[in-house]
Amino acid sequence: MYPLHVLPTVTPEVLHHVREQAVVPVWLPVPLLLGWTVTGAGYAGDERSGGRATALACTGPAPLGGAADLVLVAEELGVGLGAGLAGLPSPDPGANVSGPPAAKIEAAGHPTPLWTVAAPDDRSVFVGEAKGLWLWAVLWPAAAGYLLAEHVSLHDLRDHIPLDLVVGAPSPYLAGFPIRARSA
């Protein structure tokens, strides 16, 4: 298994560290959705292999009222970080992905379809492919999935970190969940 590194707070230094470790994208909605803040960052990997999966958490107003949380994951096949957040019993979405896409976003300037994945009732889970890797969007509460009906454009923080990034209190969703991953 790849070890999970969740950074306790988000600062410019933390984001630089995560992007330096990452061999996969570090996805961020740009521009950041209105009223949203970046609330967490982490990666799965070690010093030898680098970050084989990354996670970036954001919090803001939910489309149907209240607060919502979003965690974006980029990962190689079989790592399991996205599946762990999604509450799946295996490291990949498997046969749960079929039919027409449920959402269409933009990732690194390219149209990117996302499919829903069956998950626990407390969250919405979407998965697709960007830059040849899994792209997961996990949202709490489940109704927050409507957020992806808006125009969402993802930027890879490995390219550059926006100077006007707004950070908030640490996300509760990046710690304490199981990762179902293959051995490194």
N, C-alpha and C. Protein backbone atom coordinates (compact mmCIF):
# COMPACT_ATOMS: atom_id res chain seq x y z
N MET A 1 0.83 -1.19 0.00
CA MET A 1 0.00 0.00 0.00
C MET A 1 0.87 1.24 0.00
N TYR A 2 0.39 2.25 -0.67
CA TYR A 2 1.08 3.54 -0.61
C TYR A 2 0.66 4.26 0.66
N PRO A 3 1.61 4.85 1.38
CA PRO A 3 1.22 5.61 2.57
C PRO A 3 0.48 6.89 2.18
N LEU A 4 -0.49 7.27 3.01
CA LEU A 4 -1.26 8.49 2.80
C LEU A 4 -0.65 9.60 3.64
N HIS A 5 -0.41 10.73 2.99
CA HIS A 5 0.12 11.92 3.66
C HIS A 5 -0.93 13.01 3.56
N VAL A 6 -1.58 13.31 4.68
CA VAL A 6 -2.57 14.40 4.73
C VAL A 6 -1.93 15.53 5.51
N LEU A 7 -1.87 16.69 4.89
CA LEU A 7 -1.26 17.84 5.52
C LEU A 7 -2.29 18.52 6.42
N PRO A 8 -1.91 18.90 7.66
CA PRO A 8 -2.88 19.37 8.64
C PRO A 8 -3.57 20.69 8.28
N THR A 9 -2.89 21.56 7.57
CA THR A 9 -3.49 22.83 7.14
C THR A 9 -3.06 23.10 5.70
N VAL A 10 -3.74 24.02 5.07
CA VAL A 10 -3.38 24.40 3.71
C VAL A 10 -2.70 25.77 3.75
N THR A 11 -1.50 25.80 3.25
CA THR A 11 -0.73 27.04 3.10
C THR A 11 -0.07 26.97 1.73
N PRO A 12 0.48 28.07 1.24
CA PRO A 12 1.22 28.00 -0.02
C PRO A 12 2.36 26.98 0.04
N GLU A 13 3.02 26.87 1.19
CA GLU A 13 4.11 25.92 1.34
C GLU A 13 3.61 24.47 1.24
N VAL A 14 2.46 24.20 1.84
CA VAL A 14 1.87 22.86 1.77
C VAL A 14 1.53 22.51 0.32
N LEU A 15 0.92 23.44 -0.40
CA LEU A 15 0.57 23.18 -1.79
C LEU A 15 1.82 22.97 -2.65
N HIS A 16 2.87 23.72 -2.37
CA HIS A 16 4.14 23.51 -3.10
C HIS A 16 4.69 22.13 -2.80
N HIS A 17 4.63 21.69 -1.56
CA HIS A 17 5.11 20.37 -1.18
C HIS A 17 4.32 19.27 -1.91
N VAL A 18 2.99 19.37 -1.90
CA VAL A 18 2.16 18.35 -2.55
C VAL A 18 2.46 18.32 -4.04
N ARG A 19 2.56 19.46 -4.68
CA ARG A 19 2.81 19.45 -6.13
C ARG A 19 4.21 18.95 -6.45
N GLU A 20 5.18 19.17 -5.58
CA GLU A 20 6.53 18.64 -5.81
C GLU A 20 6.56 17.12 -5.67
N GLN A 21 5.73 16.57 -4.79
CA GLN A 21 5.68 15.12 -4.59
C GLN A 21 4.87 14.42 -5.68
N ALA A 22 3.93 15.13 -6.29
CA ALA A 22 2.95 14.52 -7.18
C ALA A 22 3.53 14.13 -8.53
N VAL A 23 3.19 12.91 -8.97
CA VAL A 23 3.44 12.49 -10.34
C VAL A 23 2.13 12.44 -11.11
N VAL A 24 1.04 12.82 -10.45
CA VAL A 24 -0.30 12.92 -11.06
C VAL A 24 -0.81 14.34 -10.80
N PRO A 25 -1.83 14.78 -11.52
CA PRO A 25 -2.34 16.15 -11.31
C PRO A 25 -2.82 16.39 -9.87
N VAL A 26 -2.80 17.64 -9.49
CA VAL A 26 -3.41 18.12 -8.24
C VAL A 26 -4.52 19.06 -8.71
N TRP A 27 -5.75 18.54 -8.78
CA TRP A 27 -6.86 19.28 -9.39
C TRP A 27 -7.45 20.31 -8.43
N LEU A 28 -7.73 21.50 -8.97
CA LEU A 28 -8.38 22.58 -8.24
C LEU A 28 -9.36 23.27 -9.18
N PRO A 29 -10.60 23.54 -8.73
CA PRO A 29 -11.50 24.35 -9.57
C PRO A 29 -10.94 25.77 -9.70
N VAL A 30 -10.75 26.22 -10.95
CA VAL A 30 -10.26 27.58 -11.20
C VAL A 30 -11.14 28.20 -12.27
N PRO A 31 -11.79 29.32 -11.98
CA PRO A 31 -11.70 30.00 -10.69
C PRO A 31 -12.38 29.18 -9.60
N LEU A 32 -11.93 29.40 -8.38
CA LEU A 32 -12.55 28.73 -7.25
C LEU A 32 -14.03 29.12 -7.22
N LEU A 33 -14.89 28.17 -6.99
CA LEU A 33 -16.33 28.43 -6.99
C LEU A 33 -16.66 29.53 -5.99
N LEU A 34 -17.67 30.34 -6.29
CA LEU A 34 -18.04 31.48 -5.48
C LEU A 34 -18.33 31.06 -4.03
N GLY A 35 -17.62 31.66 -3.09
CA GLY A 35 -17.80 31.36 -1.67
C GLY A 35 -17.05 30.13 -1.18
N TRP A 36 -16.25 29.50 -2.03
CA TRP A 36 -15.55 28.27 -1.67
C TRP A 36 -14.12 28.56 -1.21
N THR A 37 -13.61 27.67 -0.35
CA THR A 37 -12.24 27.75 0.14
C THR A 37 -11.56 26.40 -0.03
N VAL A 38 -10.24 26.40 -0.10
CA VAL A 38 -9.46 25.16 -0.14
C VAL A 38 -9.23 24.74 1.31
N THR A 39 -9.57 23.49 1.62
CA THR A 39 -9.56 23.06 3.02
C THR A 39 -8.69 21.84 3.30
N GLY A 40 -8.01 21.32 2.31
CA GLY A 40 -7.15 20.17 2.59
C GLY A 40 -6.38 19.74 1.37
N ALA A 41 -5.27 19.08 1.62
CA ALA A 41 -4.43 18.55 0.54
C ALA A 41 -3.68 17.34 1.07
N GLY A 42 -3.45 16.40 0.19
CA GLY A 42 -2.69 15.23 0.56
C GLY A 42 -2.32 14.42 -0.66
N TYR A 43 -1.53 13.38 -0.42
CA TYR A 43 -1.13 12.49 -1.51
C TYR A 43 -0.84 11.11 -0.95
N ALA A 44 -0.94 10.12 -1.82
CA ALA A 44 -0.59 8.75 -1.47
C ALA A 44 0.65 8.39 -2.28
N GLY A 45 1.69 8.00 -1.59
CA GLY A 45 2.95 7.65 -2.24
C GLY A 45 4.08 7.71 -1.24
N ASP A 46 5.26 7.42 -1.71
CA ASP A 46 6.43 7.47 -0.84
C ASP A 46 7.56 8.22 -1.54
N GLU A 47 8.70 8.35 -0.85
CA GLU A 47 9.82 9.11 -1.40
C GLU A 47 10.34 8.49 -2.69
N ARG A 48 10.27 7.17 -2.79
CA ARG A 48 10.80 6.47 -3.96
C ARG A 48 9.89 6.62 -5.17
N SER A 49 8.59 6.45 -4.96
CA SER A 49 7.66 6.44 -6.09
C SER A 49 6.98 7.78 -6.35
N GLY A 50 7.00 8.69 -5.38
CA GLY A 50 6.31 9.96 -5.51
C GLY A 50 4.82 9.81 -5.23
N GLY A 51 4.10 10.90 -5.35
CA GLY A 51 2.65 10.89 -5.10
C GLY A 51 1.91 10.27 -6.26
N ARG A 52 1.45 9.04 -6.09
CA ARG A 52 0.73 8.31 -7.13
C ARG A 52 -0.75 8.65 -7.15
N ALA A 53 -1.20 9.36 -6.11
CA ALA A 53 -2.56 9.88 -6.03
C ALA A 53 -2.50 11.18 -5.25
N THR A 54 -3.34 12.13 -5.63
CA THR A 54 -3.43 13.39 -4.89
C THR A 54 -4.89 13.65 -4.54
N ALA A 55 -5.08 14.41 -3.48
CA ALA A 55 -6.43 14.81 -3.07
C ALA A 55 -6.39 16.28 -2.68
N LEU A 56 -7.39 17.01 -3.13
CA LEU A 56 -7.54 18.40 -2.75
C LEU A 56 -8.98 18.60 -2.31
N ALA A 57 -9.17 19.14 -1.11
CA ALA A 57 -10.51 19.33 -0.55
C ALA A 57 -10.89 20.81 -0.60
N CYS A 58 -12.17 21.05 -0.85
CA CYS A 58 -12.73 22.41 -0.86
C CYS A 58 -14.06 22.38 -0.12
N THR A 59 -14.43 23.51 0.46
CA THR A 59 -15.70 23.65 1.17
C THR A 59 -16.36 24.96 0.74
N GLY A 60 -17.69 24.91 0.64
CA GLY A 60 -18.41 26.12 0.27
C GLY A 60 -19.91 25.89 0.32
N PRO A 61 -20.66 26.86 -0.20
CA PRO A 61 -22.12 26.74 -0.17
C PRO A 61 -22.61 25.64 -1.12
N ALA A 62 -23.56 24.84 -0.64
CA ALA A 62 -24.16 23.77 -1.44
C ALA A 62 -25.19 24.38 -2.38
N PRO A 63 -25.38 23.77 -3.55
CA PRO A 63 -26.35 24.31 -4.51
C PRO A 63 -27.77 24.38 -3.97
N LEU A 64 -28.15 23.47 -3.07
CA LEU A 64 -29.51 23.45 -2.54
C LEU A 64 -29.59 23.99 -1.11
N GLY A 65 -28.55 24.71 -0.68
CA GLY A 65 -28.52 25.30 0.65
C GLY A 65 -27.60 24.54 1.59
N GLY A 66 -27.13 25.23 2.59
CA GLY A 66 -26.21 24.64 3.55
C GLY A 66 -24.78 24.62 3.02
N ALA A 67 -23.95 23.84 3.69
CA ALA A 67 -22.54 23.74 3.30
C ALA A 67 -22.30 22.44 2.56
N ALA A 68 -21.26 22.46 1.72
CA ALA A 68 -20.88 21.27 0.95
C ALA A 68 -19.38 21.11 1.00
N ASP A 69 -18.94 19.88 0.84
CA ASP A 69 -17.52 19.57 0.76
C ASP A 69 -17.28 18.80 -0.53
N LEU A 70 -16.16 19.09 -1.16
CA LEU A 70 -15.74 18.44 -2.39
C LEU A 70 -14.31 18.01 -2.23
N VAL A 71 -14.02 16.74 -2.55
CA VAL A 71 -12.65 16.28 -2.62
C VAL A 71 -12.41 15.78 -4.04
N LEU A 72 -11.38 16.35 -4.68
CA LEU A 72 -10.97 15.95 -6.02
C LEU A 72 -9.74 15.06 -5.89
N VAL A 73 -9.78 13.92 -6.56
CA VAL A 73 -8.67 12.97 -6.50
C VAL A 73 -8.21 12.66 -7.92
N ALA A 74 -6.90 12.69 -8.12
CA ALA A 74 -6.28 12.19 -9.34
C ALA A 74 -5.42 11.01 -8.91
N GLU A 75 -5.53 9.90 -9.63
CA GLU A 75 -4.72 8.75 -9.21
C GLU A 75 -4.49 7.78 -10.35
N GLU A 76 -3.42 7.01 -10.19
CA GLU A 76 -3.13 5.91 -11.09
C GLU A 76 -4.09 4.76 -10.79
N LEU A 77 -4.27 3.91 -11.76
CA LEU A 77 -5.11 2.73 -11.62
C LEU A 77 -4.65 1.90 -10.42
N GLY A 78 -5.58 1.51 -9.57
CA GLY A 78 -5.29 0.60 -8.47
C GLY A 78 -4.79 1.23 -7.19
N VAL A 79 -4.61 2.54 -7.13
CA VAL A 79 -4.10 3.15 -5.90
C VAL A 79 -5.15 3.10 -4.80
N GLY A 80 -6.39 3.49 -5.08
CA GLY A 80 -7.47 3.33 -4.12
C GLY A 80 -7.82 4.53 -3.28
N LEU A 81 -7.18 5.66 -3.47
CA LEU A 81 -7.52 6.84 -2.67
C LEU A 81 -8.94 7.32 -2.97
N GLY A 82 -9.28 7.45 -4.25
CA GLY A 82 -10.63 7.87 -4.62
C GLY A 82 -11.69 6.88 -4.17
N ALA A 83 -11.40 5.60 -4.34
CA ALA A 83 -12.35 4.57 -3.93
C ALA A 83 -12.54 4.56 -2.42
N GLY A 84 -11.47 4.82 -1.67
CA GLY A 84 -11.59 4.90 -0.21
C GLY A 84 -12.50 6.03 0.21
N LEU A 85 -12.34 7.19 -0.42
CA LEU A 85 -13.22 8.32 -0.13
C LEU A 85 -14.65 8.03 -0.54
N ALA A 86 -14.80 7.29 -1.64
CA ALA A 86 -16.12 6.96 -2.16
C ALA A 86 -16.82 5.89 -1.33
N GLY A 87 -16.08 5.19 -0.48
CA GLY A 87 -16.66 4.12 0.33
C GLY A 87 -16.83 2.82 -0.44
N LEU A 88 -16.00 2.61 -1.46
CA LEU A 88 -16.08 1.39 -2.28
C LEU A 88 -15.25 0.27 -1.68
N PRO A 89 -15.62 -0.99 -1.94
CA PRO A 89 -14.88 -2.13 -1.39
C PRO A 89 -13.64 -2.51 -2.19
N SER A 90 -13.38 -1.85 -3.33
CA SER A 90 -12.21 -2.17 -4.14
C SER A 90 -11.47 -0.88 -4.49
N PRO A 91 -10.24 -0.96 -5.02
CA PRO A 91 -9.48 0.26 -5.27
C PRO A 91 -9.91 1.05 -6.51
N ASP A 92 -10.76 0.50 -7.37
CA ASP A 92 -11.21 1.19 -8.58
C ASP A 92 -12.72 1.10 -8.69
N PRO A 93 -13.34 1.94 -9.54
CA PRO A 93 -14.80 1.93 -9.63
C PRO A 93 -15.37 0.66 -10.27
N GLY A 94 -14.57 -0.07 -11.02
CA GLY A 94 -15.02 -1.34 -11.60
C GLY A 94 -16.17 -1.18 -12.55
N ALA A 95 -17.06 -2.15 -12.55
CA ALA A 95 -18.19 -2.18 -13.49
C ALA A 95 -19.29 -1.21 -13.11
N ASN A 96 -19.13 -0.47 -12.02
CA ASN A 96 -20.15 0.49 -11.60
C ASN A 96 -20.28 1.66 -12.56
N VAL A 97 -19.33 1.82 -13.50
CA VAL A 97 -19.32 2.96 -14.40
C VAL A 97 -19.82 2.52 -15.77
N SER A 98 -20.99 3.01 -16.15
CA SER A 98 -21.53 2.69 -17.47
C SER A 98 -22.61 3.69 -17.83
N GLY A 99 -23.06 3.63 -19.07
CA GLY A 99 -24.12 4.52 -19.52
C GLY A 99 -23.61 5.90 -19.85
N PRO A 100 -24.52 6.83 -20.07
CA PRO A 100 -24.10 8.19 -20.40
C PRO A 100 -23.52 8.89 -19.17
N PRO A 101 -22.62 9.86 -19.39
CA PRO A 101 -22.05 10.58 -18.25
C PRO A 101 -23.12 11.40 -17.53
N ALA A 102 -22.93 11.56 -16.23
CA ALA A 102 -23.87 12.33 -15.41
C ALA A 102 -23.47 13.79 -15.33
N ALA A 103 -22.21 14.09 -15.62
CA ALA A 103 -21.72 15.47 -15.56
C ALA A 103 -20.61 15.64 -16.59
N LYS A 104 -20.44 16.87 -17.00
CA LYS A 104 -19.34 17.20 -17.91
C LYS A 104 -18.65 18.43 -17.35
N ILE A 105 -17.35 18.27 -17.08
CA ILE A 105 -16.55 19.37 -16.58
C ILE A 105 -15.41 19.60 -17.56
N GLU A 106 -14.54 20.51 -17.21
CA GLU A 106 -13.35 20.75 -18.02
C GLU A 106 -12.14 20.47 -17.13
N ALA A 107 -11.19 19.68 -17.61
CA ALA A 107 -9.97 19.39 -16.86
C ALA A 107 -8.77 19.71 -17.75
N ALA A 108 -7.94 20.63 -17.32
CA ALA A 108 -6.76 21.05 -18.07
C ALA A 108 -7.14 21.48 -19.49
N GLY A 109 -8.28 22.16 -19.62
CA GLY A 109 -8.71 22.68 -20.90
C GLY A 109 -9.41 21.69 -21.81
N HIS A 110 -9.68 20.49 -21.33
CA HIS A 110 -10.33 19.46 -22.14
C HIS A 110 -11.68 19.08 -21.55
N PRO A 111 -12.71 18.89 -22.40
CA PRO A 111 -14.00 18.41 -21.90
C PRO A 111 -13.80 17.03 -21.26
N THR A 112 -14.38 16.86 -20.09
CA THR A 112 -14.16 15.62 -19.32
C THR A 112 -15.49 15.12 -18.78
N PRO A 113 -15.98 13.98 -19.31
CA PRO A 113 -17.22 13.41 -18.77
C PRO A 113 -16.96 12.69 -17.45
N LEU A 114 -17.94 12.76 -16.56
CA LEU A 114 -17.88 12.06 -15.27
C LEU A 114 -19.13 11.19 -15.14
N TRP A 115 -18.95 9.99 -14.62
CA TRP A 115 -20.05 9.06 -14.40
C TRP A 115 -20.30 8.93 -12.91
N THR A 116 -21.54 8.69 -12.53
CA THR A 116 -21.84 8.46 -11.12
C THR A 116 -21.40 7.06 -10.73
N VAL A 117 -21.04 6.92 -9.49
CA VAL A 117 -20.64 5.64 -8.91
C VAL A 117 -21.52 5.41 -7.69
N ALA A 118 -22.08 4.21 -7.58
CA ALA A 118 -22.88 3.88 -6.40
C ALA A 118 -22.01 4.03 -5.15
N ALA A 119 -22.54 4.74 -4.17
CA ALA A 119 -21.78 5.04 -2.96
C ALA A 119 -22.73 5.13 -1.78
N PRO A 120 -22.20 5.23 -0.55
CA PRO A 120 -23.07 5.43 0.61
C PRO A 120 -23.96 6.66 0.42
N ASP A 121 -25.12 6.65 1.08
CA ASP A 121 -26.13 7.68 0.89
C ASP A 121 -25.70 9.08 1.33
N ASP A 122 -24.63 9.21 2.09
CA ASP A 122 -24.23 10.52 2.59
C ASP A 122 -23.39 11.32 1.61
N ARG A 123 -23.08 10.76 0.43
CA ARG A 123 -22.20 11.45 -0.52
C ARG A 123 -22.61 11.15 -1.96
N SER A 124 -22.13 12.01 -2.86
CA SER A 124 -22.23 11.77 -4.30
C SER A 124 -20.83 11.51 -4.81
N VAL A 125 -20.71 10.54 -5.71
CA VAL A 125 -19.39 10.18 -6.24
C VAL A 125 -19.45 10.15 -7.75
N PHE A 126 -18.47 10.80 -8.36
CA PHE A 126 -18.33 10.84 -9.81
C PHE A 126 -16.91 10.43 -10.16
N VAL A 127 -16.76 9.76 -11.29
CA VAL A 127 -15.43 9.35 -11.73
C VAL A 127 -15.33 9.49 -13.24
N GLY A 128 -14.15 9.82 -13.69
CA GLY A 128 -13.87 9.93 -15.11
C GLY A 128 -12.37 9.77 -15.32
N GLU A 129 -11.93 10.19 -16.49
CA GLU A 129 -10.51 10.07 -16.83
C GLU A 129 -10.02 11.41 -17.34
N ALA A 130 -8.87 11.83 -16.84
CA ALA A 130 -8.22 13.05 -17.32
C ALA A 130 -6.72 12.82 -17.30
N LYS A 131 -6.07 13.19 -18.36
CA LYS A 131 -4.63 13.00 -18.51
C LYS A 131 -4.23 11.53 -18.33
N GLY A 132 -5.12 10.60 -18.73
CA GLY A 132 -4.82 9.18 -18.66
C GLY A 132 -4.90 8.59 -17.26
N LEU A 133 -5.51 9.30 -16.32
CA LEU A 133 -5.59 8.88 -14.92
C LEU A 133 -7.03 9.00 -14.45
N TRP A 134 -7.35 8.31 -13.34
CA TRP A 134 -8.66 8.46 -12.73
C TRP A 134 -8.81 9.88 -12.20
N LEU A 135 -9.98 10.43 -12.39
CA LEU A 135 -10.37 11.70 -11.78
C LEU A 135 -11.65 11.43 -11.00
N TRP A 136 -11.59 11.58 -9.69
CA TRP A 136 -12.73 11.36 -8.80
C TRP A 136 -13.19 12.71 -8.26
N ALA A 137 -14.50 12.88 -8.14
CA ALA A 137 -15.10 14.01 -7.42
C ALA A 137 -16.06 13.41 -6.41
N VAL A 138 -15.75 13.60 -5.13
CA VAL A 138 -16.58 13.07 -4.04
C VAL A 138 -17.13 14.27 -3.28
N LEU A 139 -18.46 14.32 -3.15
CA LEU A 139 -19.12 15.48 -2.55
C LEU A 139 -20.01 15.05 -1.39
N TRP A 140 -19.99 15.85 -0.32
CA TRP A 140 -20.86 15.67 0.83
C TRP A 140 -21.65 16.95 1.02
N PRO A 141 -22.92 16.91 1.37
CA PRO A 141 -23.82 15.76 1.39
C PRO A 141 -24.13 15.33 -0.05
N ALA A 142 -24.92 14.27 -0.16
CA ALA A 142 -25.21 13.70 -1.48
C ALA A 142 -25.80 14.74 -2.44
N ALA A 143 -26.65 15.62 -1.96
CA ALA A 143 -27.27 16.63 -2.82
C ALA A 143 -26.25 17.62 -3.38
N ALA A 144 -25.07 17.68 -2.80
CA ALA A 144 -24.04 18.58 -3.31
C ALA A 144 -23.56 18.16 -4.69
N GLY A 145 -23.91 16.98 -5.13
CA GLY A 145 -23.55 16.53 -6.46
C GLY A 145 -24.09 17.45 -7.55
N TYR A 146 -25.15 18.18 -7.25
CA TYR A 146 -25.70 19.13 -8.21
C TYR A 146 -24.70 20.23 -8.56
N LEU A 147 -23.69 20.40 -7.74
CA LEU A 147 -22.66 21.39 -8.00
C LEU A 147 -22.02 21.17 -9.37
N LEU A 148 -21.91 19.91 -9.79
CA LEU A 148 -21.26 19.61 -11.06
C LEU A 148 -22.15 19.93 -12.26
N ALA A 149 -23.37 20.38 -12.02
CA ALA A 149 -24.23 20.85 -13.11
C ALA A 149 -23.79 22.24 -13.57
N GLU A 150 -23.05 22.94 -12.71
CA GLU A 150 -22.50 24.25 -13.06
C GLU A 150 -21.27 24.05 -13.93
N HIS A 151 -20.79 25.13 -14.53
CA HIS A 151 -19.55 25.04 -15.31
C HIS A 151 -18.39 24.94 -14.32
N VAL A 152 -17.73 23.81 -14.30
CA VAL A 152 -16.59 23.59 -13.41
C VAL A 152 -15.37 23.34 -14.29
N SER A 153 -14.34 24.12 -14.05
CA SER A 153 -13.10 23.99 -14.81
C SER A 153 -11.97 23.67 -13.82
N LEU A 154 -11.29 22.56 -14.05
CA LEU A 154 -10.21 22.14 -13.15
C LEU A 154 -8.85 22.51 -13.74
N HIS A 155 -7.98 22.95 -12.86
CA HIS A 155 -6.62 23.34 -13.20
C HIS A 155 -5.66 22.45 -12.41
N ASP A 156 -4.57 22.05 -13.02
CA ASP A 156 -3.56 21.24 -12.35
C ASP A 156 -2.59 22.17 -11.62
N LEU A 157 -2.56 22.08 -10.29
CA LEU A 157 -1.70 22.95 -9.49
C LEU A 157 -0.21 22.71 -9.75
N ARG A 158 0.12 21.61 -10.43
CA ARG A 158 1.54 21.41 -10.77
C ARG A 158 2.00 22.45 -11.78
N ASP A 159 1.05 23.02 -12.55
CA ASP A 159 1.41 24.05 -13.52
C ASP A 159 1.70 25.37 -12.83
N HIS A 160 0.84 25.79 -11.93
CA HIS A 160 1.09 26.96 -11.08
C HIS A 160 0.00 27.03 -10.02
N ILE A 161 0.33 27.70 -8.92
CA ILE A 161 -0.62 27.88 -7.82
C ILE A 161 -1.14 29.31 -7.89
N PRO A 162 -2.47 29.50 -8.01
CA PRO A 162 -3.01 30.85 -8.06
C PRO A 162 -2.65 31.64 -6.80
N LEU A 163 -2.30 32.90 -7.00
CA LEU A 163 -1.90 33.74 -5.87
C LEU A 163 -3.07 34.13 -4.98
N ASP A 164 -4.29 34.13 -5.52
CA ASP A 164 -5.46 34.58 -4.76
C ASP A 164 -6.23 33.42 -4.14
N LEU A 165 -5.57 32.31 -3.89
CA LEU A 165 -6.22 31.12 -3.34
C LEU A 165 -6.71 31.39 -1.92
N VAL A 166 -7.97 31.08 -1.66
CA VAL A 166 -8.57 31.29 -0.33
C VAL A 166 -8.58 29.94 0.39
N VAL A 167 -8.04 29.93 1.61
CA VAL A 167 -7.99 28.68 2.37
C VAL A 167 -8.91 28.78 3.58
N GLY A 168 -9.39 27.62 4.03
CA GLY A 168 -10.30 27.57 5.17
C GLY A 168 -9.86 26.52 6.17
N ALA A 169 -10.73 26.25 7.12
CA ALA A 169 -10.46 25.26 8.18
C ALA A 169 -10.25 23.88 7.55
N PRO A 170 -9.44 23.02 8.18
CA PRO A 170 -9.13 21.70 7.61
C PRO A 170 -10.37 20.84 7.37
N SER A 171 -10.35 20.13 6.26
CA SER A 171 -11.44 19.22 5.88
C SER A 171 -11.45 17.99 6.78
N PRO A 172 -12.63 17.57 7.23
CA PRO A 172 -12.70 16.33 8.02
C PRO A 172 -12.67 15.09 7.14
N TYR A 173 -12.71 15.24 5.82
CA TYR A 173 -12.86 14.09 4.93
C TYR A 173 -11.55 13.49 4.43
N LEU A 174 -10.41 14.11 4.72
CA LEU A 174 -9.14 13.57 4.23
C LEU A 174 -8.43 12.69 5.24
N ALA A 175 -8.97 12.52 6.42
CA ALA A 175 -8.32 11.67 7.41
C ALA A 175 -9.31 10.62 7.91
N GLY A 176 -8.79 9.47 8.28
CA GLY A 176 -9.61 8.48 8.94
C GLY A 176 -10.43 7.58 8.05
N PHE A 177 -10.10 7.49 6.78
CA PHE A 177 -10.84 6.57 5.92
C PHE A 177 -9.87 5.52 5.39
N PRO A 178 -10.35 4.33 5.06
CA PRO A 178 -9.47 3.28 4.56
C PRO A 178 -9.10 3.50 3.10
N ILE A 179 -7.87 3.18 2.76
CA ILE A 179 -7.44 3.18 1.37
C ILE A 179 -7.28 1.75 0.94
N ARG A 180 -7.96 1.38 -0.10
CA ARG A 180 -7.86 0.02 -0.65
C ARG A 180 -6.91 0.09 -1.82
N ALA A 181 -5.65 -0.22 -1.59
CA ALA A 181 -4.65 -0.03 -2.63
C ALA A 181 -3.81 -1.27 -2.84
N ARG A 182 -3.17 -1.28 -3.97
CA ARG A 182 -2.22 -2.36 -4.25
C ARG A 182 -0.90 -2.05 -3.55
N SER A 183 -0.05 -3.02 -3.47
CA SER A 183 1.27 -2.80 -2.87
C SER A 183 2.13 -1.99 -3.84
N ALA A 184 3.00 -1.18 -3.29
CA ALA A 184 3.88 -0.35 -4.13
C ALA A 184 4.94 -1.17 -4.81
